[in-house]
Amino acid sequence: MARPAIYDDALRDRLLDITAEMVDQNGPGRIGLRDIAQQAGTSTSAIYALFGGKAELLVAVIEHGFASFGASQSETESEGLRALGVAYRTWAKANPALYRLMFGGAITDTGDCVPDAEVTSSAIAPLVRALAARAPAEDVMAAAMTVWAQVHGAISLELAAVAPEAVDWDAVYEAVLDAVQRAFPPR
C-alpha cells in the first residue's frame, strides 16, 4: 500500500503566498492550480489535500490574510490607537498583495465557500476595543468604521501609487493618525 503524501505548514503557507501574488497580478479567473503548484514546487495533489480545490484555496488566502493582519493588530493593541494605525500601515506595506485581495474584492466568486466571519471580523476587534475607551458604547462600531475608512483610504492610495511623486506618504499618514487622535481623544 502506498504511503499518503504529507504536506507541512511551510508548503501550505507557500501556496497561500504564491496564490495571493498570482491572483493580485492576474486576477482569480486567470490562475490555475497547476500554475500555483508549479510556482510552489509541488503538485496539484498537495493543493487538493491541503485545501480541497480552487475555491477553498482562494478563501484560505483571504482567511490567512485576515488572520495575519489581525495578529499584527492584536500584538500592538496595548500600545493604543495610534500604534494600531502604524501597525495597519506596516502590515499593508509588508503584504500588499494580501491587502489588495482582502479589501479589493478580487475574490468574490467562490460559490458556497466563503471566508469564516469570525476570522474576518476578529481583525477589527483590537480597534473596536481601543475605541471603546474613547467613544460612547452605542457609537463604537461607527467610530471603528470611521477610523478604518481613514487609514484604509490613505494606505490604499499609497499602495496604488495614484498621487503625484512629490507626495510624502509618511507625512500624509501621520496627518491621518493625528486626525484620528483628535476625533477620538481619550475620555
N, C-alpha and C. Protein backbone atom coordinates (compact mmCIF):
# COMPACT_ATOMS: atom_id res chain seq x y z
N MET A 1 0.85 -1.18 0.00
CA MET A 1 0.00 0.00 0.00
C MET A 1 0.89 1.24 0.00
N ALA A 2 0.59 2.16 -0.89
CA ALA A 2 1.37 3.40 -1.00
C ALA A 2 1.11 4.28 0.22
N ARG A 3 2.15 4.92 0.64
CA ARG A 3 2.06 5.81 1.79
C ARG A 3 1.53 7.17 1.32
N PRO A 4 0.53 7.73 2.01
CA PRO A 4 -0.01 9.02 1.58
C PRO A 4 1.00 10.15 1.77
N ALA A 5 0.94 11.10 0.86
CA ALA A 5 1.84 12.26 0.95
C ALA A 5 1.45 13.10 2.16
N ILE A 6 2.45 13.64 2.81
CA ILE A 6 2.22 14.52 3.95
C ILE A 6 2.73 15.89 3.56
N TYR A 7 1.88 16.86 3.76
CA TYR A 7 2.22 18.23 3.40
C TYR A 7 2.28 19.05 4.67
N ASP A 8 3.33 19.84 4.80
CA ASP A 8 3.54 20.57 6.03
C ASP A 8 3.03 22.01 5.96
N ASP A 9 3.11 22.70 7.11
CA ASP A 9 2.64 24.08 7.19
C ASP A 9 3.45 25.01 6.30
N ALA A 10 4.73 24.70 6.12
CA ALA A 10 5.57 25.55 5.27
C ALA A 10 5.05 25.53 3.83
N LEU A 11 4.68 24.36 3.34
CA LEU A 11 4.12 24.26 1.99
C LEU A 11 2.77 24.97 1.93
N ARG A 12 1.95 24.78 2.94
CA ARG A 12 0.65 25.46 2.99
C ARG A 12 0.83 26.97 2.91
N ASP A 13 1.73 27.50 3.72
CA ASP A 13 1.99 28.94 3.71
C ASP A 13 2.54 29.41 2.36
N ARG A 14 3.42 28.61 1.77
CA ARG A 14 3.98 28.96 0.46
C ARG A 14 2.88 29.00 -0.60
N LEU A 15 1.98 28.04 -0.56
CA LEU A 15 0.87 28.02 -1.51
C LEU A 15 -0.04 29.23 -1.31
N LEU A 16 -0.29 29.61 -0.08
CA LEU A 16 -1.12 30.79 0.19
C LEU A 16 -0.45 32.05 -0.33
N ASP A 17 0.85 32.20 -0.08
CA ASP A 17 1.57 33.39 -0.53
C ASP A 17 1.63 33.47 -2.05
N ILE A 18 1.93 32.34 -2.68
CA ILE A 18 2.02 32.32 -4.15
C ILE A 18 0.66 32.59 -4.77
N THR A 19 -0.38 32.02 -4.21
CA THR A 19 -1.73 32.26 -4.73
C THR A 19 -2.08 33.73 -4.61
N ALA A 20 -1.79 34.34 -3.47
CA ALA A 20 -2.08 35.76 -3.28
C ALA A 20 -1.37 36.60 -4.34
N GLU A 21 -0.11 36.32 -4.57
CA GLU A 21 0.66 37.07 -5.57
C GLU A 21 0.10 36.87 -6.97
N MET A 22 -0.23 35.62 -7.30
CA MET A 22 -0.73 35.33 -8.65
C MET A 22 -2.11 35.95 -8.88
N VAL A 23 -2.97 35.89 -7.88
CA VAL A 23 -4.30 36.49 -8.02
C VAL A 23 -4.16 38.01 -8.12
N ASP A 24 -3.27 38.57 -7.33
CA ASP A 24 -3.05 40.02 -7.36
C ASP A 24 -2.57 40.46 -8.75
N GLN A 25 -1.70 39.67 -9.37
CA GLN A 25 -1.15 40.03 -10.67
C GLN A 25 -2.09 39.74 -11.82
N ASN A 26 -2.82 38.62 -11.75
CA ASN A 26 -3.58 38.16 -12.91
C ASN A 26 -5.08 38.08 -12.72
N GLY A 27 -5.56 38.18 -11.49
CA GLY A 27 -6.98 38.00 -11.21
C GLY A 27 -7.28 36.54 -10.95
N PRO A 28 -8.32 36.26 -10.18
CA PRO A 28 -8.61 34.87 -9.80
C PRO A 28 -9.03 33.98 -10.96
N GLY A 29 -9.64 34.55 -11.97
CA GLY A 29 -10.09 33.75 -13.10
C GLY A 29 -8.97 33.34 -14.04
N ARG A 30 -7.82 33.94 -13.90
CA ARG A 30 -6.72 33.69 -14.83
C ARG A 30 -5.60 32.87 -14.21
N ILE A 31 -5.87 32.25 -13.08
CA ILE A 31 -4.86 31.37 -12.49
C ILE A 31 -5.42 29.96 -12.41
N GLY A 32 -4.53 29.02 -12.52
CA GLY A 32 -4.92 27.62 -12.42
C GLY A 32 -4.13 26.94 -11.32
N LEU A 33 -4.67 25.86 -10.82
CA LEU A 33 -3.99 25.13 -9.75
C LEU A 33 -2.64 24.58 -10.20
N ARG A 34 -2.54 24.20 -11.45
CA ARG A 34 -1.24 23.70 -11.96
C ARG A 34 -0.18 24.80 -11.89
N ASP A 35 -0.57 26.02 -12.28
CA ASP A 35 0.37 27.15 -12.24
C ASP A 35 0.82 27.43 -10.81
N ILE A 36 -0.13 27.41 -9.90
CA ILE A 36 0.20 27.66 -8.48
C ILE A 36 1.12 26.57 -7.97
N ALA A 37 0.77 25.32 -8.24
CA ALA A 37 1.58 24.19 -7.78
C ALA A 37 3.00 24.27 -8.36
N GLN A 38 3.09 24.60 -9.63
CA GLN A 38 4.41 24.70 -10.27
C GLN A 38 5.25 25.78 -9.60
N GLN A 39 4.66 26.94 -9.36
CA GLN A 39 5.39 28.03 -8.69
C GLN A 39 5.85 27.62 -7.30
N ALA A 40 5.05 26.79 -6.63
CA ALA A 40 5.36 26.37 -5.26
C ALA A 40 6.29 25.16 -5.23
N GLY A 41 6.57 24.60 -6.39
CA GLY A 41 7.44 23.43 -6.44
C GLY A 41 6.77 22.18 -5.89
N THR A 42 5.47 22.05 -6.14
CA THR A 42 4.74 20.88 -5.65
C THR A 42 3.76 20.43 -6.72
N SER A 43 2.82 19.61 -6.33
CA SER A 43 1.82 19.10 -7.28
C SER A 43 0.44 19.62 -6.92
N THR A 44 -0.48 19.46 -7.86
CA THR A 44 -1.86 19.85 -7.56
C THR A 44 -2.44 18.95 -6.48
N SER A 45 -1.91 17.75 -6.33
CA SER A 45 -2.37 16.86 -5.26
C SER A 45 -2.20 17.52 -3.90
N ALA A 46 -1.13 18.26 -3.73
CA ALA A 46 -0.89 18.96 -2.46
C ALA A 46 -1.99 20.00 -2.22
N ILE A 47 -2.36 20.70 -3.27
CA ILE A 47 -3.41 21.73 -3.12
C ILE A 47 -4.73 21.07 -2.75
N TYR A 48 -5.07 19.98 -3.44
CA TYR A 48 -6.32 19.29 -3.12
C TYR A 48 -6.28 18.72 -1.71
N ALA A 49 -5.15 18.18 -1.31
CA ALA A 49 -5.04 17.60 0.04
C ALA A 49 -5.12 18.66 1.12
N LEU A 50 -4.50 19.80 0.88
CA LEU A 50 -4.46 20.85 1.90
C LEU A 50 -5.70 21.74 1.92
N PHE A 51 -6.30 21.96 0.75
CA PHE A 51 -7.39 22.93 0.68
C PHE A 51 -8.70 22.37 0.15
N GLY A 52 -8.65 21.41 -0.73
CA GLY A 52 -9.87 20.85 -1.30
C GLY A 52 -10.09 21.22 -2.75
N GLY A 53 -9.68 22.40 -3.15
CA GLY A 53 -9.86 22.85 -4.52
C GLY A 53 -9.58 24.34 -4.63
N LYS A 54 -9.84 24.89 -5.80
CA LYS A 54 -9.51 26.29 -6.07
C LYS A 54 -10.32 27.25 -5.20
N ALA A 55 -11.62 27.05 -5.10
CA ALA A 55 -12.44 27.96 -4.29
C ALA A 55 -11.98 27.96 -2.84
N GLU A 56 -11.72 26.78 -2.32
CA GLU A 56 -11.27 26.69 -0.92
C GLU A 56 -9.90 27.32 -0.74
N LEU A 57 -9.03 27.18 -1.74
CA LEU A 57 -7.71 27.81 -1.67
C LEU A 57 -7.85 29.33 -1.66
N LEU A 58 -8.71 29.87 -2.51
CA LEU A 58 -8.90 31.31 -2.56
C LEU A 58 -9.47 31.84 -1.24
N VAL A 59 -10.41 31.13 -0.67
CA VAL A 59 -10.96 31.53 0.63
C VAL A 59 -9.88 31.43 1.71
N ALA A 60 -9.07 30.40 1.64
CA ALA A 60 -7.98 30.24 2.62
C ALA A 60 -7.00 31.40 2.53
N VAL A 61 -6.76 31.91 1.32
CA VAL A 61 -5.88 33.07 1.15
C VAL A 61 -6.45 34.27 1.90
N ILE A 62 -7.74 34.52 1.73
CA ILE A 62 -8.40 35.64 2.40
C ILE A 62 -8.33 35.45 3.92
N GLU A 63 -8.66 34.26 4.39
CA GLU A 63 -8.62 34.00 5.83
C GLU A 63 -7.21 34.13 6.38
N HIS A 64 -6.25 33.66 5.63
CA HIS A 64 -4.84 33.79 6.03
C HIS A 64 -4.47 35.26 6.16
N GLY A 65 -4.89 36.07 5.21
CA GLY A 65 -4.62 37.50 5.26
C GLY A 65 -5.24 38.14 6.48
N PHE A 66 -6.51 37.86 6.74
CA PHE A 66 -7.17 38.46 7.90
C PHE A 66 -6.57 37.96 9.21
N ALA A 67 -6.18 36.69 9.26
CA ALA A 67 -5.55 36.18 10.48
C ALA A 67 -4.21 36.86 10.73
N SER A 68 -3.42 37.02 9.69
CA SER A 68 -2.12 37.68 9.82
C SER A 68 -2.29 39.15 10.19
N PHE A 69 -3.20 39.82 9.51
CA PHE A 69 -3.48 41.22 9.82
C PHE A 69 -3.99 41.36 11.25
N GLY A 70 -4.94 40.52 11.64
CA GLY A 70 -5.49 40.56 12.99
C GLY A 70 -4.43 40.32 14.05
N ALA A 71 -3.49 39.41 13.77
CA ALA A 71 -2.41 39.16 14.73
C ALA A 71 -1.53 40.39 14.89
N SER A 72 -1.27 41.09 13.79
CA SER A 72 -0.44 42.30 13.88
C SER A 72 -1.16 43.37 14.69
N GLN A 73 -2.47 43.44 14.57
CA GLN A 73 -3.24 44.40 15.35
C GLN A 73 -3.26 44.01 16.83
N SER A 74 -3.47 42.74 17.10
CA SER A 74 -3.51 42.27 18.49
C SER A 74 -2.18 42.49 19.20
N GLU A 75 -1.08 42.28 18.49
CA GLU A 75 0.25 42.47 19.08
C GLU A 75 0.49 43.92 19.48
N THR A 76 -0.19 44.85 18.84
CA THR A 76 0.03 46.27 19.06
C THR A 76 -1.06 46.91 19.93
N GLU A 77 -2.12 46.20 20.16
CA GLU A 77 -3.30 46.77 20.83
C GLU A 77 -2.98 47.49 22.14
N SER A 78 -2.13 46.93 22.95
CA SER A 78 -1.84 47.53 24.26
C SER A 78 -1.14 48.88 24.16
N GLU A 79 -0.59 49.18 22.98
CA GLU A 79 0.13 50.44 22.79
C GLU A 79 -0.79 51.59 22.38
N GLY A 80 -2.05 51.32 22.12
CA GLY A 80 -3.01 52.38 21.86
C GLY A 80 -3.41 52.55 20.41
N LEU A 81 -4.30 53.51 20.23
CA LEU A 81 -4.93 53.76 18.94
C LEU A 81 -3.93 54.11 17.84
N ARG A 82 -3.01 55.01 18.11
CA ARG A 82 -2.03 55.41 17.10
C ARG A 82 -1.16 54.22 16.69
N ALA A 83 -0.76 53.43 17.65
CA ALA A 83 0.06 52.25 17.35
C ALA A 83 -0.69 51.26 16.46
N LEU A 84 -1.99 51.14 16.67
CA LEU A 84 -2.79 50.28 15.78
C LEU A 84 -2.74 50.79 14.35
N GLY A 85 -2.82 52.12 14.20
CA GLY A 85 -2.73 52.70 12.87
C GLY A 85 -1.39 52.47 12.22
N VAL A 86 -0.33 52.60 13.00
CA VAL A 86 1.02 52.35 12.47
C VAL A 86 1.16 50.88 12.08
N ALA A 87 0.66 49.99 12.92
CA ALA A 87 0.74 48.55 12.61
C ALA A 87 -0.07 48.21 11.36
N TYR A 88 -1.19 48.88 11.18
CA TYR A 88 -2.03 48.67 10.00
C TYR A 88 -1.21 48.96 8.74
N ARG A 89 -0.59 50.12 8.71
CA ARG A 89 0.20 50.51 7.53
C ARG A 89 1.41 49.60 7.35
N THR A 90 2.08 49.30 8.43
CA THR A 90 3.26 48.42 8.35
C THR A 90 2.87 47.08 7.75
N TRP A 91 1.76 46.51 8.22
CA TRP A 91 1.32 45.21 7.71
C TRP A 91 0.95 45.33 6.23
N ALA A 92 0.19 46.37 5.88
CA ALA A 92 -0.25 46.53 4.49
C ALA A 92 0.94 46.67 3.54
N LYS A 93 1.94 47.43 3.95
CA LYS A 93 3.11 47.62 3.08
C LYS A 93 3.95 46.36 2.99
N ALA A 94 3.94 45.54 4.03
CA ALA A 94 4.69 44.28 4.00
C ALA A 94 3.94 43.19 3.24
N ASN A 95 2.62 43.35 3.09
CA ASN A 95 1.77 42.34 2.46
C ASN A 95 0.83 42.97 1.43
N PRO A 96 1.36 43.69 0.45
CA PRO A 96 0.48 44.43 -0.45
C PRO A 96 -0.47 43.55 -1.26
N ALA A 97 -0.03 42.38 -1.68
CA ALA A 97 -0.92 41.51 -2.46
C ALA A 97 -2.08 41.03 -1.60
N LEU A 98 -1.78 40.58 -0.39
CA LEU A 98 -2.85 40.15 0.51
C LEU A 98 -3.79 41.31 0.82
N TYR A 99 -3.23 42.47 1.08
CA TYR A 99 -4.03 43.64 1.41
C TYR A 99 -5.03 43.94 0.28
N ARG A 100 -4.53 43.95 -0.95
CA ARG A 100 -5.41 44.24 -2.09
C ARG A 100 -6.48 43.16 -2.25
N LEU A 101 -6.11 41.91 -2.02
CA LEU A 101 -7.09 40.83 -2.15
C LEU A 101 -8.15 40.90 -1.05
N MET A 102 -7.72 41.17 0.16
CA MET A 102 -8.66 41.23 1.28
C MET A 102 -9.68 42.34 1.10
N PHE A 103 -9.23 43.49 0.60
CA PHE A 103 -10.09 44.66 0.57
C PHE A 103 -10.48 45.12 -0.83
N GLY A 104 -9.93 44.47 -1.85
CA GLY A 104 -10.19 44.93 -3.21
C GLY A 104 -11.33 44.22 -3.91
N GLY A 105 -11.85 43.16 -3.33
CA GLY A 105 -12.97 42.46 -3.93
C GLY A 105 -12.62 41.57 -5.11
N ALA A 106 -11.34 41.28 -5.31
CA ALA A 106 -10.94 40.44 -6.45
C ALA A 106 -11.48 39.02 -6.32
N ILE A 107 -11.58 38.54 -5.11
CA ILE A 107 -12.06 37.17 -4.91
C ILE A 107 -13.48 37.25 -4.36
N THR A 108 -14.43 37.14 -5.26
CA THR A 108 -15.83 37.18 -4.84
C THR A 108 -16.60 35.95 -5.30
N ASP A 109 -16.12 35.28 -6.33
CA ASP A 109 -16.85 34.14 -6.89
C ASP A 109 -16.25 32.83 -6.40
N THR A 110 -16.61 32.48 -5.18
CA THR A 110 -16.13 31.22 -4.62
C THR A 110 -17.30 30.30 -4.29
N GLY A 111 -18.44 30.58 -4.90
CA GLY A 111 -19.61 29.73 -4.69
C GLY A 111 -20.06 29.75 -3.24
N ASP A 112 -20.32 28.57 -2.72
CA ASP A 112 -20.78 28.44 -1.34
C ASP A 112 -19.63 28.52 -0.34
N CYS A 113 -18.43 28.56 -0.83
CA CYS A 113 -17.24 28.60 0.03
C CYS A 113 -16.93 30.07 0.34
N VAL A 114 -17.14 30.48 1.58
CA VAL A 114 -16.93 31.87 1.97
C VAL A 114 -15.98 31.94 3.17
N PRO A 115 -15.27 33.05 3.29
CA PRO A 115 -14.38 33.19 4.45
C PRO A 115 -15.16 33.12 5.76
N ASP A 116 -14.53 32.58 6.76
CA ASP A 116 -15.11 32.47 8.09
C ASP A 116 -15.30 33.87 8.67
N ALA A 117 -16.54 34.21 9.00
CA ALA A 117 -16.85 35.56 9.51
C ALA A 117 -16.11 35.85 10.80
N GLU A 118 -15.88 34.85 11.60
CA GLU A 118 -15.15 35.06 12.85
C GLU A 118 -13.71 35.48 12.58
N VAL A 119 -13.09 34.87 11.58
CA VAL A 119 -11.71 35.22 11.23
C VAL A 119 -11.65 36.65 10.69
N THR A 120 -12.56 36.98 9.78
CA THR A 120 -12.51 38.30 9.17
C THR A 120 -12.89 39.40 10.16
N SER A 121 -13.90 39.16 10.99
CA SER A 121 -14.31 40.21 11.94
C SER A 121 -13.36 40.34 13.12
N SER A 122 -12.63 39.31 13.46
CA SER A 122 -11.71 39.41 14.59
C SER A 122 -10.55 40.37 14.30
N ALA A 123 -10.30 40.62 13.03
CA ALA A 123 -9.21 41.53 12.67
C ALA A 123 -9.47 42.96 13.13
N ILE A 124 -10.72 43.34 13.24
CA ILE A 124 -11.05 44.70 13.65
C ILE A 124 -11.26 44.80 15.17
N ALA A 125 -11.31 43.67 15.85
CA ALA A 125 -11.58 43.67 17.29
C ALA A 125 -10.62 44.54 18.10
N PRO A 126 -9.31 44.54 17.83
CA PRO A 126 -8.44 45.43 18.61
C PRO A 126 -8.80 46.91 18.45
N LEU A 127 -9.17 47.31 17.26
CA LEU A 127 -9.58 48.69 17.03
C LEU A 127 -10.86 49.00 17.79
N VAL A 128 -11.81 48.10 17.76
CA VAL A 128 -13.07 48.30 18.48
C VAL A 128 -12.79 48.44 19.97
N ARG A 129 -11.93 47.58 20.51
CA ARG A 129 -11.61 47.67 21.94
C ARG A 129 -10.90 48.98 22.27
N ALA A 130 -10.01 49.43 21.40
CA ALA A 130 -9.30 50.69 21.64
C ALA A 130 -10.27 51.87 21.63
N LEU A 131 -11.26 51.81 20.77
CA LEU A 131 -12.23 52.90 20.68
C LEU A 131 -13.29 52.84 21.77
N ALA A 132 -13.46 51.69 22.40
CA ALA A 132 -14.44 51.56 23.47
C ALA A 132 -14.14 52.51 24.62
N ALA A 133 -12.88 52.84 24.81
CA ALA A 133 -12.48 53.78 25.86
C ALA A 133 -12.57 55.23 25.39
N ARG A 134 -12.91 55.44 24.14
CA ARG A 134 -12.89 56.78 23.56
C ARG A 134 -14.24 57.24 23.03
N ALA A 135 -15.15 56.33 22.84
CA ALA A 135 -16.44 56.69 22.24
C ALA A 135 -17.56 56.09 23.07
N PRO A 136 -18.74 56.72 23.07
CA PRO A 136 -19.89 56.12 23.76
C PRO A 136 -20.18 54.73 23.19
N ALA A 137 -20.62 53.83 24.02
CA ALA A 137 -20.82 52.43 23.62
C ALA A 137 -21.64 52.29 22.35
N GLU A 138 -22.68 53.11 22.22
CA GLU A 138 -23.55 52.98 21.04
C GLU A 138 -22.87 53.49 19.77
N ASP A 139 -21.77 54.20 19.91
CA ASP A 139 -21.07 54.76 18.75
C ASP A 139 -19.77 54.03 18.40
N VAL A 140 -19.42 53.00 19.13
CA VAL A 140 -18.11 52.37 18.95
C VAL A 140 -17.94 51.79 17.55
N MET A 141 -18.93 51.07 17.04
CA MET A 141 -18.76 50.48 15.70
C MET A 141 -18.69 51.55 14.62
N ALA A 142 -19.49 52.61 14.77
CA ALA A 142 -19.42 53.70 13.80
C ALA A 142 -18.04 54.36 13.88
N ALA A 143 -17.52 54.52 15.08
CA ALA A 143 -16.18 55.09 15.25
C ALA A 143 -15.13 54.19 14.61
N ALA A 144 -15.26 52.89 14.82
CA ALA A 144 -14.30 51.93 14.25
C ALA A 144 -14.32 51.99 12.72
N MET A 145 -15.51 52.06 12.13
CA MET A 145 -15.61 52.14 10.68
C MET A 145 -15.05 53.46 10.16
N THR A 146 -15.23 54.53 10.92
CA THR A 146 -14.69 55.83 10.53
C THR A 146 -13.17 55.80 10.53
N VAL A 147 -12.59 55.27 11.59
CA VAL A 147 -11.12 55.18 11.67
C VAL A 147 -10.60 54.26 10.58
N TRP A 148 -11.24 53.11 10.43
CA TRP A 148 -10.80 52.15 9.43
C TRP A 148 -10.84 52.77 8.03
N ALA A 149 -11.90 53.50 7.74
CA ALA A 149 -12.01 54.14 6.42
C ALA A 149 -10.89 55.15 6.20
N GLN A 150 -10.54 55.89 7.22
CA GLN A 150 -9.48 56.89 7.08
C GLN A 150 -8.13 56.24 6.82
N VAL A 151 -7.74 55.28 7.65
CA VAL A 151 -6.43 54.67 7.46
C VAL A 151 -6.41 53.81 6.20
N HIS A 152 -7.50 53.12 5.96
CA HIS A 152 -7.58 52.28 4.77
C HIS A 152 -7.48 53.11 3.49
N GLY A 153 -8.17 54.24 3.47
CA GLY A 153 -8.12 55.11 2.30
C GLY A 153 -6.72 55.61 2.01
N ALA A 154 -6.03 56.07 3.05
CA ALA A 154 -4.67 56.57 2.86
C ALA A 154 -3.74 55.47 2.38
N ILE A 155 -3.84 54.30 2.98
CA ILE A 155 -2.95 53.20 2.60
C ILE A 155 -3.28 52.70 1.19
N SER A 156 -4.55 52.62 0.87
CA SER A 156 -4.93 52.16 -0.47
C SER A 156 -4.40 53.11 -1.54
N LEU A 157 -4.49 54.40 -1.29
CA LEU A 157 -3.95 55.38 -2.24
C LEU A 157 -2.43 55.24 -2.35
N GLU A 158 -1.77 55.06 -1.21
CA GLU A 158 -0.32 54.90 -1.24
C GLU A 158 0.09 53.66 -2.03
N LEU A 159 -0.56 52.54 -1.77
CA LEU A 159 -0.20 51.30 -2.47
C LEU A 159 -0.54 51.36 -3.95
N ALA A 160 -1.58 52.11 -4.30
CA ALA A 160 -1.97 52.24 -5.70
C ALA A 160 -1.07 53.20 -6.46
N ALA A 161 -0.29 53.99 -5.71
CA ALA A 161 0.63 54.96 -6.31
C ALA A 161 -0.09 55.90 -7.29
N VAL A 162 -1.22 56.43 -6.84
CA VAL A 162 -2.02 57.29 -7.71
C VAL A 162 -1.79 58.78 -7.47
N ALA A 163 -0.99 59.13 -6.49
CA ALA A 163 -0.73 60.54 -6.18
C ALA A 163 0.54 61.01 -6.90
N PRO A 164 0.71 62.31 -7.01
CA PRO A 164 1.95 62.82 -7.60
C PRO A 164 3.17 62.32 -6.83
N GLU A 165 4.28 62.19 -7.53
CA GLU A 165 5.51 61.66 -6.91
C GLU A 165 5.95 62.46 -5.69
N ALA A 166 5.64 63.73 -5.65
CA ALA A 166 6.10 64.60 -4.57
C ALA A 166 5.39 64.34 -3.24
N VAL A 167 4.34 63.53 -3.24
CA VAL A 167 3.59 63.27 -2.01
C VAL A 167 4.47 62.50 -1.03
N ASP A 168 4.55 63.01 0.17
CA ASP A 168 5.28 62.35 1.26
C ASP A 168 4.27 61.49 2.03
N TRP A 169 4.23 60.21 1.73
CA TRP A 169 3.23 59.33 2.32
C TRP A 169 3.40 59.20 3.83
N ASP A 170 4.61 59.30 4.32
CA ASP A 170 4.81 59.26 5.77
C ASP A 170 4.09 60.45 6.41
N ALA A 171 4.24 61.63 5.82
CA ALA A 171 3.59 62.83 6.36
C ALA A 171 2.07 62.73 6.21
N VAL A 172 1.61 62.22 5.09
CA VAL A 172 0.17 62.06 4.89
C VAL A 172 -0.40 61.12 5.96
N TYR A 173 0.28 60.02 6.17
CA TYR A 173 -0.24 59.05 7.14
C TYR A 173 -0.19 59.59 8.56
N GLU A 174 0.85 60.32 8.89
CA GLU A 174 0.90 60.96 10.21
C GLU A 174 -0.26 61.94 10.38
N ALA A 175 -0.59 62.67 9.33
CA ALA A 175 -1.73 63.60 9.39
C ALA A 175 -3.04 62.84 9.59
N VAL A 176 -3.18 61.69 8.94
CA VAL A 176 -4.37 60.87 9.13
C VAL A 176 -4.45 60.40 10.58
N LEU A 177 -3.34 59.92 11.12
CA LEU A 177 -3.33 59.46 12.51
C LEU A 177 -3.60 60.60 13.48
N ASP A 178 -3.07 61.79 13.18
CA ASP A 178 -3.36 62.97 14.01
C ASP A 178 -4.86 63.27 13.99
N ALA A 179 -5.48 63.20 12.82
CA ALA A 179 -6.91 63.46 12.70
C ALA A 179 -7.72 62.44 13.49
N VAL A 180 -7.31 61.19 13.44
CA VAL A 180 -7.98 60.15 14.20
C VAL A 180 -7.87 60.43 15.70
N GLN A 181 -6.68 60.79 16.14
CA GLN A 181 -6.45 61.10 17.56
C GLN A 181 -7.34 62.26 18.01
N ARG A 182 -7.45 63.30 17.18
CA ARG A 182 -8.28 64.46 17.51
C ARG A 182 -9.76 64.09 17.53
N ALA A 183 -10.18 63.25 16.60
CA ALA A 183 -11.58 62.87 16.52
C ALA A 183 -12.01 61.96 17.67
N PHE A 184 -11.07 61.18 18.17
CA PHE A 184 -11.40 60.20 19.23
C PHE A 184 -10.39 60.30 20.37
N PRO A 185 -10.43 61.43 21.10
CA PRO A 185 -9.50 61.57 22.22
C PRO A 185 -9.91 60.64 23.37
N PRO A 186 -8.96 60.33 24.23
CA PRO A 186 -9.34 59.51 25.41
C PRO A 186 -10.36 60.27 26.26
N ARG A 187 -11.26 59.54 26.87
CA ARG A 187 -12.26 60.18 27.73
C ARG A 187 -11.69 60.43 29.09
